[in-house]
């Protein structure tokens, strides 16, 4: 049972380690879901927007971390 506890602690730690990254990704997914639900985006366009949003969030996070490291 301790292995399962260790796995859950590690997963929780990964999501909480960078709270801004986690909230940004969840916000992007929520935005795309709302746009799909209101018929503004189709499934293919939503996939592109979601992928582009995740890449932009990742680039921003990397740039922020490199500035913090200097």
PDB file of N, CA and C in Angstrom:
ATOM      1  N   UNK A   1       0.814  -1.196   0.000  1.00  0.00           N
ATOM      2  CA  UNK A   1       0.000   0.000   0.000  1.00  0.00           C
ATOM      3  C   UNK A   1       0.857   1.259   0.000  1.00  0.00           C
ATOM      4  N   UNK A   2       2.073   1.157   0.488  1.00  0.00           N
ATOM      5  CA  UNK A   2       2.920   2.355   0.520  1.00  0.00           C
ATOM      6  C   UNK A   2       3.359   2.764  -0.884  1.00  0.00           C
ATOM      7  N   UNK A   3       3.453   1.818  -1.800  1.00  0.00           N
ATOM      8  CA  UNK A   3       3.826   2.155  -3.173  1.00  0.00           C
ATOM      9  C   UNK A   3       2.740   3.030  -3.793  1.00  0.00           C
ATOM     10  N   UNK A   4       1.491   2.660  -3.584  1.00  0.00           N
ATOM     11  CA  UNK A   4       0.390   3.469  -4.105  1.00  0.00           C
ATOM     12  C   UNK A   4       0.398   4.862  -3.494  1.00  0.00           C
ATOM     13  N   UNK A   5       0.653   4.951  -2.225  1.00  0.00           N
ATOM     14  CA  UNK A   5       0.729   6.252  -1.560  1.00  0.00           C
ATOM     15  C   UNK A   5       1.860   7.096  -2.126  1.00  0.00           C
ATOM     16  N   UNK A   6       3.015   6.459  -2.373  1.00  0.00           N
ATOM     17  CA  UNK A   6       4.148   7.175  -2.951  1.00  0.00           C
ATOM     18  C   UNK A   6       3.822   7.682  -4.353  1.00  0.00           C
ATOM     19  N   UNK A   7       3.142   6.857  -5.145  1.00  0.00           N
ATOM     20  CA  UNK A   7       2.776   7.266  -6.504  1.00  0.00           C
ATOM     21  C   UNK A   7       1.827   8.452  -6.458  1.00  0.00           C
ATOM     22  N   UNK A   8       0.825   8.404  -5.605  1.00  0.00           N
ATOM     23  CA  UNK A   8      -0.128   9.517  -5.510  1.00  0.00           C
ATOM     24  C   UNK A   8       0.548  10.786  -4.999  1.00  0.00           C
ATOM     25  N   UNK A   9       1.469  10.657  -4.065  1.00  0.00           N
ATOM     26  CA  UNK A   9       2.199  11.828  -3.574  1.00  0.00           C
ATOM     27  C   UNK A   9       3.040  12.459  -4.682  1.00  0.00           C
ATOM     28  N   UNK A  10       3.692  11.619  -5.485  1.00  0.00           N
ATOM     29  CA  UNK A  10       4.495  12.132  -6.590  1.00  0.00           C
ATOM     30  C   UNK A  10       3.626  12.831  -7.636  1.00  0.00           C
ATOM     31  N   UNK A  11       2.493  12.219  -7.983  1.00  0.00           N
ATOM     32  CA  UNK A  11       1.590  12.849  -8.944  1.00  0.00           C
ATOM     33  C   UNK A  11       1.057  14.172  -8.420  1.00  0.00           C
ATOM     34  N   UNK A  12       0.677  14.208  -7.177  1.00  0.00           N
ATOM     35  CA  UNK A  12       0.188  15.440  -6.571  1.00  0.00           C
ATOM     36  C   UNK A  12       1.288  16.502  -6.566  1.00  0.00           C
ATOM     37  N   UNK A  13       2.500  16.105  -6.243  1.00  0.00           N
ATOM     38  CA  UNK A  13       3.628  17.029  -6.223  1.00  0.00           C
ATOM     39  C   UNK A  13       3.932  17.597  -7.597  1.00  0.00           C
ATOM     40  N   UNK A  14       3.758  16.785  -8.638  1.00  0.00           N
ATOM     41  CA  UNK A  14       4.003  17.280  -9.994  1.00  0.00           C
ATOM     42  C   UNK A  14       3.010  18.370 -10.364  1.00  0.00           C
ATOM     43  N   UNK A  15       1.763  18.219  -9.968  1.00  0.00           N
ATOM     44  CA  UNK A  15       0.756  19.204 -10.318  1.00  0.00           C
ATOM     45  C   UNK A  15       0.848  20.461  -9.467  1.00  0.00           C
ATOM     46  N   UNK A  16       1.314  20.325  -8.250  1.00  0.00           N
ATOM     47  CA  UNK A  16       1.385  21.474  -7.363  1.00  0.00           C
ATOM     48  C   UNK A  16       2.736  22.182  -7.488  1.00  0.00           C
ATOM     49  N   UNK A  17       3.728  21.544  -8.068  1.00  0.00           N
ATOM     50  CA  UNK A  17       5.063  22.130  -8.160  1.00  0.00           C
ATOM     51  C   UNK A  17       5.029  23.464  -8.894  1.00  0.00           C
ATOM     52  N   UNK A  18       4.307  23.565  -9.971  1.00  0.00           N
ATOM     53  CA  UNK A  18       4.183  24.832 -10.688  1.00  0.00           C
ATOM     54  C   UNK A  18       2.692  25.126 -10.843  1.00  0.00           C
ATOM     55  N   UNK A  19       2.161  25.810  -9.868  1.00  0.00           N
ATOM     56  CA  UNK A  19       0.725  26.056  -9.828  1.00  0.00           C
ATOM     57  C   UNK A  19       0.274  26.919 -11.004  1.00  0.00           C
ATOM     58  N   UNK A  20       1.106  27.872 -11.419  1.00  0.00           N
ATOM     59  CA  UNK A  20       0.733  28.731 -12.549  1.00  0.00           C
ATOM     60  C   UNK A  20       0.582  27.910 -13.832  1.00  0.00           C
ATOM     61  N   UNK A  21       1.487  26.967 -14.051  1.00  0.00           N
ATOM     62  CA  UNK A  21       1.406  26.104 -15.231  1.00  0.00           C
ATOM     63  C   UNK A  21       0.133  25.263 -15.191  1.00  0.00           C
ATOM     64  N   UNK A  22      -0.140  24.676 -14.045  1.00  0.00           N
ATOM     65  CA  UNK A  22      -1.331  23.840 -13.902  1.00  0.00           C
ATOM     66  C   UNK A  22      -2.607  24.635 -14.150  1.00  0.00           C
ATOM     67  N   UNK A  23      -2.705  25.810 -13.541  1.00  0.00           N
ATOM     68  CA  UNK A  23      -3.913  26.617 -13.713  1.00  0.00           C
ATOM     69  C   UNK A  23      -4.045  27.144 -15.136  1.00  0.00           C
ATOM     70  N   UNK A  24      -2.926  27.450 -15.775  1.00  0.00           N
ATOM     71  CA  UNK A  24      -2.978  27.921 -17.163  1.00  0.00           C
ATOM     72  C   UNK A  24      -3.498  26.839 -18.095  1.00  0.00           C
ATOM     73  N   UNK A  25      -3.007  25.632 -17.931  1.00  0.00           N
ATOM     74  CA  UNK A  25      -3.457  24.528 -18.782  1.00  0.00           C
ATOM     75  C   UNK A  25      -4.934  24.232 -18.523  1.00  0.00           C
ATOM     76  N   UNK A  26      -5.329  24.197 -17.259  1.00  0.00           N
ATOM     77  CA  UNK A  26      -6.743  23.956 -16.950  1.00  0.00           C
ATOM     78  C   UNK A  26      -7.627  25.073 -17.497  1.00  0.00           C
ATOM     79  N   UNK A  27      -7.166  26.310 -17.428  1.00  0.00           N
ATOM     80  CA  UNK A  27      -7.918  27.434 -17.989  1.00  0.00           C
ATOM     81  C   UNK A  27      -8.048  27.330 -19.494  1.00  0.00           C
ATOM     82  N   UNK A  28      -6.967  26.917 -20.155  1.00  0.00           N
ATOM     83  CA  UNK A  28      -7.021  26.737 -21.609  1.00  0.00           C
ATOM     84  C   UNK A  28      -7.990  25.646 -22.014  1.00  0.00           C
ATOM     85  N   UNK A  29      -7.969  24.555 -21.290  1.00  0.00           N
ATOM     86  CA  UNK A  29      -8.899  23.450 -21.584  1.00  0.00           C
ATOM     87  C   UNK A  29     -10.334  23.903 -21.338  1.00  0.00           C
ATOM     88  N   UNK A  30     -10.555  24.637 -20.265  1.00  0.00           N
ATOM     89  CA  UNK A  30     -11.894  25.137 -19.963  1.00  0.00           C
ATOM     90  C   UNK A  30     -12.378  26.099 -21.046  1.00  0.00           C
ATOM     91  N   UNK A  31     -11.498  26.988 -21.496  1.00  0.00           N
ATOM     92  CA  UNK A  31     -11.861  27.933 -22.553  1.00  0.00           C
ATOM     93  C   UNK A  31     -12.240  27.206 -23.840  1.00  0.00           C
ATOM     94  N   UNK A  32     -11.452  26.218 -24.235  1.00  0.00           N
ATOM     95  CA  UNK A  32     -11.754  25.462 -25.453  1.00  0.00           C
ATOM     96  C   UNK A  32     -13.066  24.690 -25.284  1.00  0.00           C
ATOM     97  N   UNK A  33     -13.296  24.139 -24.103  1.00  0.00           N
ATOM     98  CA  UNK A  33     -14.549  23.411 -23.862  1.00  0.00           C
ATOM     99  C   UNK A  33     -15.756  24.343 -23.968  1.00  0.00           C
ATOM    100  N   UNK A  34     -15.622  25.545 -23.433  1.00  0.00           N
ATOM    101  CA  UNK A  34     -16.728  26.511 -23.522  1.00  0.00           C
ATOM    102  C   UNK A  34     -16.973  26.923 -24.967  1.00  0.00           C
ATOM    103  N   UNK A  35     -15.891  27.161 -25.719  1.00  0.00           N
ATOM    104  CA  UNK A  35     -16.044  27.547 -27.124  1.00  0.00           C
ATOM    105  C   UNK A  35     -16.640  26.413 -27.962  1.00  0.00           C
ATOM    106  N   UNK A  36     -16.285  25.181 -27.631  1.00  0.00           N
ATOM    107  CA  UNK A  36     -16.882  24.047 -28.355  1.00  0.00           C
ATOM    108  C   UNK A  36     -18.355  23.888 -28.010  1.00  0.00           C
ATOM    109  N   UNK A  37     -18.676  24.068 -26.740  1.00  0.00           N
ATOM    110  CA  UNK A  37     -20.055  23.893 -26.291  1.00  0.00           C
ATOM    111  C   UNK A  37     -20.976  24.949 -26.898  1.00  0.00           C
ATOM    112  N   UNK A  38     -20.433  26.149 -27.130  1.00  0.00           N
ATOM    113  CA  UNK A  38     -21.251  27.208 -27.714  1.00  0.00           C
ATOM    114  C   UNK A  38     -21.191  27.205 -29.239  1.00  0.00           C
ATOM    115  N   UNK A  39     -20.628  26.174 -29.821  1.00  0.00           N
ATOM    116  CA  UNK A  39     -20.560  25.966 -31.274  1.00  0.00           C
ATOM    117  C   UNK A  39     -19.725  27.026 -31.990  1.00  0.00           C
ATOM    118  N   UNK A  40     -18.805  27.658 -31.291  1.00  0.00           N
ATOM    119  CA  UNK A  40     -17.897  28.602 -31.923  1.00  0.00           C
ATOM    120  C   UNK A  40     -16.772  27.846 -32.622  1.00  0.00           C
ATOM    121  N   UNK A  41     -16.314  26.764 -32.008  1.00  0.00           N
ATOM    122  CA  UNK A  41     -15.240  25.935 -32.568  1.00  0.00           C
ATOM    123  C   UNK A  41     -15.742  24.532 -32.854  1.00  0.00           C
ATOM    124  N   UNK A  42     -15.296  23.997 -33.966  1.00  0.00           N
ATOM    125  CA  UNK A  42     -15.553  22.599 -34.253  1.00  0.00           C
ATOM    126  C   UNK A  42     -14.468  21.746 -33.612  1.00  0.00           C
ATOM    127  N   UNK A  43     -14.589  20.441 -33.709  1.00  0.00           N
ATOM    128  CA  UNK A  43     -13.615  19.559 -33.059  1.00  0.00           C
ATOM    129  C   UNK A  43     -12.189  19.735 -33.579  1.00  0.00           C
ATOM    130  N   UNK A  44     -12.021  19.902 -34.879  1.00  0.00           N
ATOM    131  CA  UNK A  44     -10.672  20.045 -35.438  1.00  0.00           C
ATOM    132  C   UNK A  44     -10.059  21.376 -35.013  1.00  0.00           C
ATOM    133  N   UNK A  45     -10.831  22.449 -35.118  1.00  0.00           N
ATOM    134  CA  UNK A  45     -10.341  23.766 -34.713  1.00  0.00           C
ATOM    135  C   UNK A  45     -10.037  23.785 -33.215  1.00  0.00           C
ATOM    136  N   UNK A  46     -10.869  23.131 -32.422  1.00  0.00           N
ATOM    137  CA  UNK A  46     -10.629  23.069 -30.983  1.00  0.00           C
ATOM    138  C   UNK A  46      -9.326  22.336 -30.685  1.00  0.00           C
ATOM    139  N   UNK A  47      -9.047  21.291 -31.431  1.00  0.00           N
ATOM    140  CA  UNK A  47      -7.790  20.567 -31.242  1.00  0.00           C
ATOM    141  C   UNK A  47      -6.592  21.447 -31.556  1.00  0.00           C
ATOM    142  N   UNK A  48      -6.673  22.204 -32.642  1.00  0.00           N
ATOM    143  CA  UNK A  48      -5.585  23.122 -32.993  1.00  0.00           C
ATOM    144  C   UNK A  48      -5.413  24.214 -31.937  1.00  0.00           C
ATOM    145  N   UNK A  49      -6.519  24.792 -31.484  1.00  0.00           N
ATOM    146  CA  UNK A  49      -6.456  25.849 -30.471  1.00  0.00           C
ATOM    147  C   UNK A  49      -5.885  25.299 -29.171  1.00  0.00           C
ATOM    148  N   UNK A  50      -6.300  24.106 -28.798  1.00  0.00           N
ATOM    149  CA  UNK A  50      -5.799  23.485 -27.573  1.00  0.00           C
ATOM    150  C   UNK A  50      -4.305  23.194 -27.683  1.00  0.00           C
ATOM    151  N   UNK A  51      -3.881  22.652 -28.801  1.00  0.00           N
ATOM    152  CA  UNK A  51      -2.453  22.359 -28.987  1.00  0.00           C
ATOM    153  C   UNK A  51      -1.632  23.641 -28.989  1.00  0.00           C
ATOM    154  N   UNK A  52      -2.093  24.653 -29.712  1.00  0.00           N
ATOM    155  CA  UNK A  52      -1.375  25.918 -29.767  1.00  0.00           C
ATOM    156  C   UNK A  52      -1.326  26.578 -28.393  1.00  0.00           C
ATOM    157  N   UNK A  53      -2.430  26.528 -27.677  1.00  0.00           N
ATOM    158  CA  UNK A  53      -2.465  27.107 -26.335  1.00  0.00           C
ATOM    159  C   UNK A  53      -1.493  26.420 -25.394  1.00  0.00           C
ATOM    160  N   UNK A  54      -1.429  25.104 -25.451  1.00  0.00           N
ATOM    161  CA  UNK A  54      -0.505  24.368 -24.581  1.00  0.00           C
ATOM    162  C   UNK A  54       0.947  24.675 -24.929  1.00  0.00           C
ATOM    163  N   UNK A  55       1.242  24.805 -26.211  1.00  0.00           N
ATOM    164  CA  UNK A  55       2.613  25.153 -26.619  1.00  0.00           C
ATOM    165  C   UNK A  55       2.966  26.553 -26.133  1.00  0.00           C
ATOM    166  N   UNK A  56       2.057  27.500 -26.275  1.00  0.00           N
ATOM    167  CA  UNK A  56       2.319  28.869 -25.813  1.00  0.00           C
ATOM    168  C   UNK A  56       2.497  28.921 -24.297  1.00  0.00           C
ATOM    169  N   UNK A  57       1.699  28.170 -23.569  1.00  0.00           N
ATOM    170  CA  UNK A  57       1.835  28.108 -22.112  1.00  0.00           C
ATOM    171  C   UNK A  57       3.191  27.511 -21.735  1.00  0.00           C
ATOM    172  N   UNK A  58       3.596  26.479 -22.435  1.00  0.00           N
ATOM    173  CA  UNK A  58       4.888  25.846 -22.161  1.00  0.00           C
ATOM    174  C   UNK A  58       6.042  26.802 -22.452  1.00  0.00           C
ATOM    175  N   UNK A  59       5.966  27.538 -23.560  1.00  0.00           N
ATOM    176  CA  UNK A  59       7.016  28.510 -23.897  1.00  0.00           C
ATOM    177  C   UNK A  59       7.095  29.594 -22.828  1.00  0.00           C
ATOM    178  N   UNK A  60       5.945  30.092 -22.394  1.00  0.00           N
ATOM    179  CA  UNK A  60       5.933  31.120 -21.350  1.00  0.00           C
ATOM    180  C   UNK A  60       6.542  30.593 -20.058  1.00  0.00           C
ATOM    181  N   UNK A  61       6.238  29.361 -19.701  1.00  0.00           N
ATOM    182  CA  UNK A  61       6.769  28.773 -18.479  1.00  0.00           C
ATOM    183  C   UNK A  61       8.280  28.605 -18.564  1.00  0.00           C
ATOM    184  N   UNK A  62       8.769  28.150 -19.698  1.00  0.00           N
ATOM    185  CA  UNK A  62      10.216  27.973 -19.868  1.00  0.00           C
ATOM    186  C   UNK A  62      10.925  29.324 -19.803  1.00  0.00           C
ATOM    187  N   UNK A  63      10.383  30.331 -20.461  1.00  0.00           N
ATOM    188  CA  UNK A  63      10.993  31.663 -20.430  1.00  0.00           C
ATOM    189  C   UNK A  63      11.004  32.241 -19.010  1.00  0.00           C
ATOM    190  N   UNK A  64       9.906  32.035 -18.299  1.00  0.00           N
ATOM    191  CA  UNK A  64       9.837  32.521 -16.918  1.00  0.00           C
ATOM    192  C   UNK A  64      10.863  31.837 -16.027  1.00  0.00           C
ATOM    193  N   UNK A  65      11.010  30.531 -16.198  1.00  0.00           N
ATOM    194  CA  UNK A  65      11.978  29.784 -15.380  1.00  0.00           C
ATOM    195  C   UNK A  65      13.417  30.154 -15.726  1.00  0.00           C
ATOM    196  N   UNK A  66      13.709  30.423 -16.998  1.00  0.00           N
ATOM    197  CA  UNK A  66      15.079  30.802 -17.355  1.00  0.00           C
ATOM    198  C   UNK A  66      15.405  32.202 -16.805  1.00  0.00           C
ATOM    199  N   UNK A  67      14.437  33.111 -16.796  1.00  0.00           N
ATOM    200  CA  UNK A  67      14.677  34.425 -16.202  1.00  0.00           C
ATOM    201  C   UNK A  67      14.875  34.322 -14.705  1.00  0.00           C
ATOM    202  N   UNK A  68      14.137  33.425 -14.066  1.00  0.00           N
ATOM    203  CA  UNK A  68      14.252  33.248 -12.618  1.00  0.00           C
ATOM    204  C   UNK A  68      15.616  32.652 -12.266  1.00  0.00           C
ATOM    205  N   UNK A  69      16.139  31.782 -13.131  1.00  0.00           N
ATOM    206  CA  UNK A  69      17.411  31.119 -12.882  1.00  0.00           C
ATOM    207  C   UNK A  69      18.621  32.024 -12.987  1.00  0.00           C
ATOM    208  N   UNK A  70      18.493  33.126 -13.716  1.00  0.00           N
ATOM    209  CA  UNK A  70      19.656  34.019 -13.918  1.00  0.00           C
ATOM    210  C   UNK A  70      19.899  34.907 -12.761  1.00  0.00           C
TER     211      UNK A  70
END
